[in-house]
N, C-alpha and C. Protein backbone atom coordinates (compact mmCIF):
# COMPACT_ATOMS: atom_id res chain seq x y z
N UNK A 1 -34.30 37.61 -15.58
CA UNK A 1 -32.88 37.23 -16.06
C UNK A 1 -32.61 36.38 -16.09
N UNK A 2 -31.81 35.60 -17.28
CA UNK A 2 -31.84 34.41 -17.54
C UNK A 2 -30.54 33.84 -16.78
N UNK A 3 -30.41 32.62 -16.63
CA UNK A 3 -29.74 32.13 -15.57
C UNK A 3 -28.52 32.19 -16.62
N UNK A 4 -28.06 32.13 -17.55
CA UNK A 4 -26.87 32.08 -18.02
C UNK A 4 -26.06 33.64 -17.77
N UNK A 5 -26.97 34.50 -17.46
CA UNK A 5 -26.39 35.81 -17.08
C UNK A 5 -25.55 35.82 -15.57
N UNK A 6 -25.99 34.81 -14.77
CA UNK A 6 -26.06 35.12 -13.32
C UNK A 6 -24.99 34.75 -13.11
N UNK A 7 -24.02 35.18 -12.24
CA UNK A 7 -22.96 34.99 -11.53
C UNK A 7 -22.81 33.58 -11.26
N UNK A 8 -21.96 32.65 -11.54
CA UNK A 8 -22.05 31.37 -11.19
C UNK A 8 -21.77 31.02 -9.68
N UNK A 9 -21.12 31.92 -9.36
CA UNK A 9 -20.90 31.60 -7.78
C UNK A 9 -22.15 31.93 -7.06
N UNK A 10 -22.75 32.80 -7.70
CA UNK A 10 -24.09 33.02 -6.66
C UNK A 10 -25.38 32.14 -6.85
N UNK A 11 -25.04 31.11 -7.69
CA UNK A 11 -26.31 30.03 -7.77
C UNK A 11 -25.97 28.94 -6.56
N UNK A 12 -26.65 28.49 -6.22
CA UNK A 12 -27.12 27.33 -5.38
C UNK A 12 -27.32 26.37 -5.98
N UNK A 13 -26.52 25.44 -6.06
CA UNK A 13 -26.28 24.11 -7.14
C UNK A 13 -26.86 23.01 -6.01
N UNK A 14 -26.46 22.92 -4.55
CA UNK A 14 -26.85 21.78 -3.81
C UNK A 14 -27.57 22.31 -2.58
N UNK A 15 -28.89 21.48 -2.25
CA UNK A 15 -29.16 22.41 -1.35
C UNK A 15 -28.45 21.98 -0.21
N UNK A 16 -28.82 22.90 1.11
CA UNK A 16 -28.11 22.92 2.34
C UNK A 16 -28.08 21.40 2.83
N UNK A 17 -26.75 21.15 3.39
CA UNK A 17 -26.70 19.80 3.92
C UNK A 17 -27.32 20.01 5.59
N UNK A 18 -27.86 19.15 6.08
CA UNK A 18 -28.80 19.31 7.75
C UNK A 18 -27.34 19.13 8.39
N UNK A 19 -27.30 20.05 9.39
CA UNK A 19 -25.93 20.17 10.21
C UNK A 19 -26.32 18.86 10.99
N UNK A 20 -24.68 18.74 11.22
CA UNK A 20 -24.49 17.20 11.79
C UNK A 20 -24.78 17.58 13.50
N UNK A 21 -25.48 16.65 14.29
CA UNK A 21 -25.41 16.94 15.63
C UNK A 21 -24.30 17.46 16.51
N UNK A 22 -24.20 18.10 17.76
CA UNK A 22 -23.13 18.35 18.22
C UNK A 22 -22.64 16.98 19.03
N UNK A 23 -21.47 16.88 18.86
CA UNK A 23 -20.41 15.96 19.28
C UNK A 23 -20.35 15.86 20.39
N UNK A 24 -20.64 14.18 21.23
CA UNK A 24 -20.70 14.16 22.42
C UNK A 24 -19.27 14.28 23.07
N UNK A 25 -18.74 15.14 24.11
CA UNK A 25 -17.49 14.88 25.02
C UNK A 25 -17.32 13.21 25.10
N UNK A 26 -15.77 13.13 24.62
CA UNK A 26 -15.26 11.53 24.99
C UNK A 26 -14.59 11.68 26.01
N UNK A 27 -14.78 10.47 26.92
CA UNK A 27 -14.05 10.46 28.35
C UNK A 27 -12.74 10.07 27.90
N UNK A 28 -11.80 10.33 29.09
CA UNK A 28 -10.39 9.78 29.12
C UNK A 28 -10.28 8.39 28.93
N UNK A 29 -10.76 7.38 29.33
CA UNK A 29 -10.79 6.29 28.96
C UNK A 29 -11.24 5.76 27.67
N UNK A 30 -12.08 6.37 27.21
CA UNK A 30 -12.31 6.10 25.53
C UNK A 30 -11.38 6.46 24.93
N UNK A 31 -10.88 7.59 25.41
CA UNK A 31 -9.66 8.17 24.30
C UNK A 31 -8.47 7.55 24.44
N UNK A 32 -8.18 6.62 25.62
CA UNK A 32 -7.16 6.19 25.40
C UNK A 32 -7.25 4.91 24.67
N UNK A 33 -8.68 4.28 25.05
CA UNK A 33 -8.76 2.66 24.01
C UNK A 33 -8.73 3.29 22.70
N UNK A 34 -8.96 4.01 22.19
CA UNK A 34 -9.03 4.64 20.89
C UNK A 34 -7.40 4.87 20.04
N UNK A 35 -6.93 5.26 21.19
CA UNK A 35 -5.49 5.55 20.75
C UNK A 35 -4.85 4.49 20.79
N UNK A 36 -4.81 3.49 21.91
CA UNK A 36 -4.59 2.27 21.99
C UNK A 36 -5.07 1.30 20.56
N UNK A 37 -6.03 1.37 20.26
CA UNK A 37 -6.33 0.78 19.00
C UNK A 37 -6.00 1.14 18.03
N UNK A 38 -5.51 2.21 17.67
CA UNK A 38 -4.97 2.72 16.53
C UNK A 38 -3.49 2.53 16.57
N UNK A 39 -3.05 2.62 17.43
CA UNK A 39 -1.66 2.22 17.77
C UNK A 39 -1.44 0.54 17.45
N UNK A 40 -2.31 -0.47 17.80
CA UNK A 40 -1.99 -1.39 17.68
C UNK A 40 -2.59 -1.82 15.89
N UNK A 41 -3.54 -1.03 15.62
CA UNK A 41 -3.70 -1.45 13.92
C UNK A 41 -2.62 -0.63 13.14
N UNK A 42 -1.76 0.41 13.61
CA UNK A 42 -0.38 0.62 12.56
C UNK A 42 0.67 -0.31 12.97
N UNK A 43 0.70 -0.75 13.91
CA UNK A 43 1.62 -1.55 14.35
C UNK A 43 1.54 -2.84 13.56
N UNK A 44 0.47 -3.47 13.18
CA UNK A 44 -0.05 -4.82 12.74
C UNK A 44 0.22 -4.46 11.30
N UNK A 45 -0.38 -2.93 10.39
CA UNK A 45 0.27 -3.10 9.41
C UNK A 45 1.43 -3.01 9.06
N UNK A 46 2.16 -2.19 9.95
CA UNK A 46 3.90 -1.88 9.76
C UNK A 46 4.61 -3.40 9.60
N UNK A 47 4.30 -4.26 10.50
CA UNK A 47 4.29 -5.91 10.24
C UNK A 47 4.43 -6.07 9.28
N UNK A 48 2.98 -6.45 9.22
CA UNK A 48 2.45 -6.86 7.30
C UNK A 48 3.53 -6.66 6.29
N UNK A 49 3.34 -5.27 6.39
CA UNK A 49 4.43 -4.45 5.46
C UNK A 49 5.94 -4.97 5.46
N UNK A 50 6.21 -5.22 6.80
CA UNK A 50 7.94 -5.93 6.78
C UNK A 50 7.78 -7.38 6.26
N UNK A 51 6.73 -8.02 6.68
CA UNK A 51 6.67 -9.32 6.55
C UNK A 51 6.51 -9.40 4.74
N UNK A 52 6.03 -8.71 4.23
CA UNK A 52 5.62 -8.42 2.83
C UNK A 52 7.28 -8.27 1.99
N UNK A 53 7.51 -7.37 2.41
CA UNK A 53 9.23 -7.05 2.11
C UNK A 53 10.32 -8.22 2.24
N UNK A 54 9.82 -8.72 3.40
CA UNK A 54 10.68 -9.78 3.43
C UNK A 54 10.55 -10.60 2.67
N UNK A 55 9.28 -11.20 2.29
CA UNK A 55 8.95 -12.52 1.33
C UNK A 55 9.32 -12.05 0.16
N UNK A 56 9.16 -10.83 -0.47
CA UNK A 56 9.59 -10.24 -1.69
C UNK A 56 11.10 -10.34 -1.94
N UNK A 57 11.92 -10.24 -1.11
CA UNK A 57 13.25 -10.22 -1.14
C UNK A 57 13.67 -11.68 -1.30
N UNK A 58 13.09 -12.43 -0.61
CA UNK A 58 13.47 -13.87 -0.39
C UNK A 58 13.04 -14.45 -1.49
N UNK A 59 11.84 -14.06 -2.57
CA UNK A 59 11.64 -14.55 -3.65
C UNK A 59 12.62 -14.04 -4.66
N UNK A 60 13.05 -12.99 -4.61
CA UNK A 60 14.01 -12.38 -5.71
C UNK A 60 15.30 -12.96 -5.56
N UNK A 61 15.85 -13.61 -4.10
CA UNK A 61 16.65 -13.81 -4.07
C UNK A 61 16.85 -15.62 -4.59
N UNK A 62 15.54 -16.16 -4.41
CA UNK A 62 15.42 -17.72 -4.95
C UNK A 62 15.70 -17.30 -6.66
N UNK A 63 14.76 -16.67 -7.03
CA UNK A 63 14.62 -16.28 -8.63
C UNK A 63 16.10 -15.78 -9.26
N UNK A 64 16.72 -15.10 -8.62
CA UNK A 64 18.40 -14.55 -8.65
C UNK A 64 19.24 -16.10 -8.87
N UNK A 65 19.10 -16.77 -7.51
CA UNK A 65 19.74 -18.32 -7.94
C UNK A 65 19.64 -18.83 -8.50
N UNK A 66 18.20 -19.20 -8.78
CA UNK A 66 17.92 -20.48 -9.86
C UNK A 66 18.30 -19.60 -11.28
N UNK A 67 18.39 -18.34 -11.31
CA UNK A 67 18.77 -18.13 -12.72
C UNK A 67 19.98 -18.20 -12.79
N UNK A 68 21.02 -17.83 -11.74
CA UNK A 68 22.68 -18.34 -12.11
C UNK A 68 22.50 -19.97 -11.86
N UNK A 69 22.06 -20.37 -11.34
CA UNK A 69 22.61 -21.77 -11.40
C UNK A 69 22.26 -22.31 -12.74
N UNK A 70 21.01 -21.67 -13.71
CA UNK A 70 20.63 -22.47 -14.98
C UNK A 70 21.66 -21.66 -15.82
N UNK A 71 22.29 -20.54 -15.39
CA UNK A 71 22.97 -20.21 -16.32
C UNK A 71 24.54 -20.62 -16.28
N UNK A 72 24.71 -21.19 -15.10
CA UNK A 72 26.02 -22.07 -14.99
C UNK A 72 25.99 -23.50 -15.67
N UNK A 73 24.90 -23.89 -15.47
CA UNK A 73 24.87 -25.12 -16.24
C UNK A 73 24.87 -25.10 -17.42
N UNK A 74 23.93 -24.18 -18.05
CA UNK A 74 24.01 -23.87 -19.40
C UNK A 74 25.69 -23.67 -19.89
N UNK A 75 26.16 -23.16 -19.10
CA UNK A 75 27.85 -22.91 -19.62
C UNK A 75 28.73 -24.16 -19.49
N UNK A 76 28.24 -24.79 -18.33
CA UNK A 76 28.94 -26.27 -18.41
C UNK A 76 28.81 -27.33 -19.69
N UNK A 77 27.10 -27.07 -19.66
CA UNK A 77 27.03 -28.06 -21.00
C UNK A 77 27.80 -27.52 -22.24
N UNK A 78 27.62 -25.93 -22.60
CA UNK A 78 28.28 -25.58 -23.58
C UNK A 78 29.89 -26.12 -23.70
N UNK A 79 30.64 -25.88 -22.71
CA UNK A 79 31.88 -26.25 -22.28
C UNK A 79 32.22 -27.69 -22.68
N UNK A 80 31.54 -28.55 -22.30
CA UNK A 80 31.31 -30.04 -22.47
C UNK A 80 31.41 -30.33 -23.71
N UNK A 81 30.23 -29.81 -24.44
CA UNK A 81 29.94 -30.53 -25.54
C UNK A 81 31.20 -29.51 -27.04
N UNK A 82 31.84 -28.58 -26.58
CA UNK A 82 32.65 -27.94 -27.63
C UNK A 82 33.68 -28.93 -27.68
N UNK A 83 34.27 -28.89 -28.80
CA UNK A 83 35.59 -29.75 -28.98
C UNK A 83 36.85 -29.02 -28.16
N UNK A 84 37.76 -29.79 -27.87
CA UNK A 84 38.88 -29.27 -27.24
C UNK A 84 40.02 -28.89 -28.34
N UNK A 85 40.39 -27.78 -28.07
CA UNK A 85 41.58 -27.67 -28.83
C UNK A 85 42.59 -27.83 -28.51
């Protein structure tokens, strides 16, 4: 029979992967240290995200303030250069 006529679901395209070794039991202290490590990692990631957000807001405020100052200075110059009626 041709391979083209064989049902695709029956083809074994990948050789079976070797079975993983049986998992060893994890002790209470190891589980606690893993949980603590994960908690500390998540906490530091959240802290880094908050700091990045704060820096981004600070830069946006500086940019906005600078833009307003430049616009006000341009308006003052324009007002001073116009002849008074």
